Protein backbone atom coordinates (compact mmCIF):
# COMPACT_ATOMS: atom_id res chain seq x y z
CA MET A 1 0.00 0.00 0.00
CA GLY A 2 2.79 2.40 0.88
CA GLY A 3 4.30 2.02 -2.60
CA LEU A 4 1.01 2.95 -4.21
CA LEU A 5 0.71 6.04 -2.04
CA GLY A 6 4.37 6.95 -1.54
CA GLY A 7 5.09 9.32 -4.41
CA GLY A 8 1.78 9.01 -6.16
CA LEU A 9 -0.91 10.21 -3.77
CA ASN A 10 -1.56 13.36 -5.79
CA GLU A 11 -1.67 11.29 -8.97
CA LEU A 12 -4.04 8.80 -7.38
CA LEU A 13 -6.42 11.55 -6.30
CA LYS A 14 -6.25 13.04 -9.79
CA HIS A 15 -7.36 9.67 -11.24
CA PHE A 16 -10.30 9.62 -8.85
CA LYS A 17 -11.34 13.17 -9.79
CA GLN A 18 -11.01 12.53 -13.53
CA ASN A 19 -13.14 9.40 -13.25
CA GLY A 20 -16.01 10.86 -11.26
CA GLU A 21 -14.98 9.68 -7.79
CA GLY A 22 -13.29 12.86 -6.58
CA GLU A 23 -15.78 13.45 -3.77
CA VAL A 24 -15.11 9.99 -2.34
CA ALA A 25 -11.33 10.40 -2.46
CA GLN A 26 -11.51 13.92 -1.03
CA SER A 27 -13.39 12.55 1.99
CA TRP A 28 -10.30 10.47 2.80
CA VAL A 29 -8.08 13.57 2.74
CA ASN A 30 -10.44 15.86 4.66
CA ASP A 31 -11.07 15.64 8.37
CA GLY A 32 -14.20 13.69 9.19
CA PRO A 33 -15.55 10.32 8.19
CA ASN A 34 -14.12 8.51 5.16
CA LYS A 35 -16.57 7.52 2.45
CA GLU A 36 -16.42 3.90 1.37
CA VAL A 37 -15.43 2.91 -2.14
CA SER A 38 -16.77 -0.24 -3.78
CA PRO A 39 -14.54 -2.44 -5.95
CA PRO A 40 -16.37 -1.34 -9.16
CA GLN A 41 -15.96 2.35 -8.21
CA LEU A 42 -12.30 1.74 -7.45
CA LYS A 43 -11.75 -0.06 -10.76
CA GLN A 44 -13.24 2.87 -12.66
CA ALA A 45 -11.34 5.45 -10.61
CA ILE A 46 -7.82 4.02 -10.87
CA GLY A 47 -8.17 2.87 -14.46
CA PRO A 48 -6.99 -0.24 -16.30
CA ASP A 49 -3.33 0.78 -16.62
CA VAL A 50 -2.80 1.31 -12.89
CA LEU A 51 -4.74 -1.84 -12.10
CA ALA A 52 -2.65 -3.89 -14.55
CA ALA A 53 0.58 -2.50 -13.05
CA LEU A 54 -0.61 -3.40 -9.54
CA GLU A 55 -1.52 -6.92 -10.68
CA LYS A 56 1.95 -7.36 -12.09
CA GLN A 57 3.69 -5.94 -9.00
CA THR A 58 1.66 -7.88 -6.45
CA GLY A 59 0.77 -11.11 -8.26
CA LEU A 60 -2.80 -10.70 -7.01
CA SER A 61 -5.87 -11.01 -9.21
CA GLN A 62 -7.88 -7.91 -10.12
CA ASP A 63 -10.72 -9.04 -7.88
CA GLU A 64 -8.43 -9.57 -4.88
CA LEU A 65 -6.65 -6.26 -5.46
CA LEU A 66 -9.90 -4.33 -5.72
CA ALA A 67 -11.34 -6.03 -2.62
CA ARG A 68 -8.23 -5.25 -0.55
CA LEU A 69 -7.87 -1.70 -1.83
CA SER A 70 -11.54 -0.89 -1.25
CA ARG A 71 -11.04 -1.94 2.40
CA GLU A 72 -7.62 -0.38 3.01
CA LEU A 73 -7.24 2.62 0.70
CA PRO A 74 -9.55 5.07 2.55
CA ALA A 75 -7.69 4.59 5.86
CA ALA A 76 -4.28 4.66 4.15
CA VAL A 77 -4.98 7.95 2.36
CA ASP A 78 -6.40 9.34 5.61
CA LYS A 79 -3.16 8.39 7.39
CA TYR A 80 -0.98 10.03 4.72
CA THR A 81 -2.97 13.28 4.83
CA PRO A 82 -2.86 14.48 8.44
CA ALA A 83 -4.88 17.60 9.15
CA GLY A 84 -6.58 17.25 5.77
CA ARG A 85 -3.47 18.20 3.79
CA LEU A 86 -1.69 16.41 0.98
CA PRO A 87 2.04 15.80 1.39
CA SER A 88 4.13 18.44 -0.33
CA GLN A 89 5.39 17.50 -3.78
CA ASN A 90 8.49 19.61 -3.17
CA THR A 91 9.90 17.43 -0.39
């Protein structure tokens, strides 16, 4: 999970916004409750290229990846965005 978020959190959020799930992803960054994301929403939001790369890196099936990410991604993004702020790209 850390590798997915490490340098690419801004990129990940951009994917969500471009694919109609920006409000969901923004809830993970903002203070307050995190909105859930279903595996189909997640698949649409991250796109086929990112999903294929994750499959290759992890050796997991698409279904398993999407199930795990839909459970873990909201909390992980929340953790990486303390006080509702994205990490600086300049660091």
